[in-house]
Amino acid sequence: MEWNAVLEFINPELLIVVVVCWIIGYVLKQTPKVPDWTIIYGVTVVAVAFAVVLLGFTAQSVLQGILCGAMAVYGNQLVKQTKKSGENE
């Protein structure tokens, strides 16, 4: 399954949550005392919290939050790996 297909599952009104999570992940990455392995958990918790606030507390909103967090982390990694592959050429 491609990530474009996953993006289709995300509620369009939650795309701003993906952007906010991307920013939060970037800020956490720049914070010296935050271990890298905790960033994905922090981003996911924030994404779920935002989705629940925007959509109400349902199983679907929790799933939407997880998908938003995953897209933010995936997007960040995609950009990093693309830059890295361009530097190696």
C-alpha atoms as a PDB file:
ATOM      1  CA  MET A   1       0.000   0.000   0.000  1.00  0.00           C
ATOM      2  CA  GLU A   2       1.377   3.391  -0.937  1.00  0.00           C
ATOM      3  CA  TRP A   3       1.343   6.345   1.438  1.00  0.00           C
ATOM      4  CA  ASN A   4      -0.863   8.276  -0.996  1.00  0.00           C
ATOM      5  CA  ALA A   5      -3.532   5.671  -0.312  1.00  0.00           C
ATOM      6  CA  VAL A   6      -3.092   6.206   3.442  1.00  0.00           C
ATOM      7  CA  LEU A   7      -3.421   9.962   2.922  1.00  0.00           C
ATOM      8  CA  GLU A   8      -6.828   9.336   1.341  1.00  0.00           C
ATOM      9  CA  PHE A   9      -7.967   7.782   4.631  1.00  0.00           C
ATOM     10  CA  ILE A  10      -7.164  10.950   6.601  1.00  0.00           C
ATOM     11  CA  ASN A  11     -10.077  13.301   7.109  1.00  0.00           C
ATOM     12  CA  PRO A  12      -9.324  16.454   5.037  1.00  0.00           C
ATOM     13  CA  GLU A  13     -10.014  18.752   7.989  1.00  0.00           C
ATOM     14  CA  LEU A  14      -7.195  17.012   9.869  1.00  0.00           C
ATOM     15  CA  LEU A  15      -4.479  17.805   7.334  1.00  0.00           C
ATOM     16  CA  ILE A  16      -3.588  20.815   9.486  1.00  0.00           C
ATOM     17  CA  VAL A  17      -2.911  18.332  12.298  1.00  0.00           C
ATOM     18  CA  VAL A  18      -0.314  16.642  10.074  1.00  0.00           C
ATOM     19  CA  VAL A  19       1.396  20.011   9.535  1.00  0.00           C
ATOM     20  CA  VAL A  20       1.288  20.861  13.251  1.00  0.00           C
ATOM     21  CA  CYS A  21       2.717  17.447  14.126  1.00  0.00           C
ATOM     22  CA  TRP A  22       5.496  17.900  11.588  1.00  0.00           C
ATOM     23  CA  ILE A  23       6.428  21.201  13.269  1.00  0.00           C
ATOM     24  CA  ILE A  24       6.244  19.668  16.739  1.00  0.00           C
ATOM     25  CA  GLY A  25       8.460  16.803  15.596  1.00  0.00           C
ATOM     26  CA  TYR A  26      10.985  19.280  14.214  1.00  0.00           C
ATOM     27  CA  VAL A  27      11.019  21.235  17.474  1.00  0.00           C
ATOM     28  CA  LEU A  28      11.445  18.050  19.500  1.00  0.00           C
ATOM     29  CA  LYS A  29      14.308  16.968  17.216  1.00  0.00           C
ATOM     30  CA  GLN A  30      16.084  20.278  17.930  1.00  0.00           C
ATOM     31  CA  THR A  31      15.607  19.891  21.704  1.00  0.00           C
ATOM     32  CA  PRO A  32      18.859  18.451  23.124  1.00  0.00           C
ATOM     33  CA  LYS A  33      17.392  16.477  26.025  1.00  0.00           C
ATOM     34  CA  VAL A  34      14.685  14.718  23.996  1.00  0.00           C
ATOM     35  CA  PRO A  35      15.865  11.294  22.753  1.00  0.00           C
ATOM     36  CA  ASP A  36      15.097  10.649  19.077  1.00  0.00           C
ATOM     37  CA  TRP A  37      13.181   7.459  19.841  1.00  0.00           C
ATOM     38  CA  THR A  38      10.591   9.398  21.893  1.00  0.00           C
ATOM     39  CA  ILE A  39       9.710  11.842  19.129  1.00  0.00           C
ATOM     40  CA  ILE A  40       7.343   9.497  17.298  1.00  0.00           C
ATOM     41  CA  TYR A  41       5.456   8.814  20.528  1.00  0.00           C
ATOM     42  CA  GLY A  42       5.167  12.518  21.331  1.00  0.00           C
ATOM     43  CA  VAL A  43       3.964  13.342  17.834  1.00  0.00           C
ATOM     44  CA  THR A  44       1.419  10.521  17.917  1.00  0.00           C
ATOM     45  CA  VAL A  45       0.023  11.561  21.311  1.00  0.00           C
ATOM     46  CA  VAL A  46      -0.346  15.158  20.120  1.00  0.00           C
ATOM     47  CA  ALA A  47      -1.988  14.037  16.867  1.00  0.00           C
ATOM     48  CA  VAL A  48      -4.496  11.845  18.693  1.00  0.00           C
ATOM     49  CA  ALA A  49      -5.265  14.641  21.163  1.00  0.00           C
ATOM     50  CA  PHE A  50      -5.900  17.144  18.346  1.00  0.00           C
ATOM     51  CA  ALA A  51      -8.048  14.663  16.419  1.00  0.00           C
ATOM     52  CA  VAL A  52     -10.130  13.902  19.510  1.00  0.00           C
ATOM     53  CA  VAL A  53     -10.614  17.614  20.196  1.00  0.00           C
ATOM     54  CA  LEU A  54     -11.641  18.292  16.591  1.00  0.00           C
ATOM     55  CA  LEU A  55     -13.777  15.193  15.970  1.00  0.00           C
ATOM     56  CA  GLY A  56     -14.886  14.090  19.426  1.00  0.00           C
ATOM     57  CA  PHE A  57     -13.785  11.013  21.331  1.00  0.00           C
ATOM     58  CA  THR A  58     -14.455   8.076  19.044  1.00  0.00           C
ATOM     59  CA  ALA A  59     -12.445   5.136  17.824  1.00  0.00           C
ATOM     60  CA  GLN A  60     -12.329   6.759  14.396  1.00  0.00           C
ATOM     61  CA  SER A  61     -10.844   9.999  15.762  1.00  0.00           C
ATOM     62  CA  VAL A  62      -8.141   8.028  17.588  1.00  0.00           C
ATOM     63  CA  LEU A  63      -7.345   6.166  14.369  1.00  0.00           C
ATOM     64  CA  GLN A  64      -7.317   9.465  12.456  1.00  0.00           C
ATOM     65  CA  GLY A  65      -4.869  10.883  14.984  1.00  0.00           C
ATOM     66  CA  ILE A  66      -2.563   7.895  14.610  1.00  0.00           C
ATOM     67  CA  LEU A  67      -2.660   8.279  10.831  1.00  0.00           C
ATOM     68  CA  CYS A  68      -1.894  12.008  11.116  1.00  0.00           C
ATOM     69  CA  GLY A  69       1.092  11.314  13.360  1.00  0.00           C
ATOM     70  CA  ALA A  70       2.311   8.600  11.019  1.00  0.00           C
ATOM     71  CA  MET A  71       2.044  10.893   7.997  1.00  0.00           C
ATOM     72  CA  ALA A  72       3.988  13.631   9.778  1.00  0.00           C
ATOM     73  CA  VAL A  73       6.815  11.259  10.691  1.00  0.00           C
ATOM     74  CA  TYR A  74       6.775   9.617   7.258  1.00  0.00           C
ATOM     75  CA  GLY A  75       6.829  12.989   5.505  1.00  0.00           C
ATOM     76  CA  ASN A  76       9.778  14.124   7.572  1.00  0.00           C
ATOM     77  CA  GLN A  77      11.692  10.936   6.835  1.00  0.00           C
ATOM     78  CA  LEU A  78      10.865  11.198   3.138  1.00  0.00           C
ATOM     79  CA  VAL A  79      12.359  14.701   2.975  1.00  0.00           C
ATOM     80  CA  LYS A  80      15.447  13.660   4.969  1.00  0.00           C
ATOM     81  CA  GLN A  81      16.109  10.577   2.860  1.00  0.00           C
ATOM     82  CA  THR A  82      15.593  12.490  -0.387  1.00  0.00           C
ATOM     83  CA  LYS A  83      18.114  15.122   0.709  1.00  0.00           C
ATOM     84  CA  LYS A  84      20.538  12.422   1.827  1.00  0.00           C
ATOM     85  CA  SER A  85      20.308  10.544  -1.488  1.00  0.00           C
ATOM     86  CA  GLY A  86      20.927  13.793  -3.375  1.00  0.00           C
ATOM     87  CA  GLU A  87      24.097  14.437  -1.374  1.00  0.00           C
ATOM     88  CA  ASN A  88      25.486  10.972  -2.084  1.00  0.00           C
ATOM     89  CA  GLU A  89      25.391  11.394  -5.872  1.00  0.00           C
END
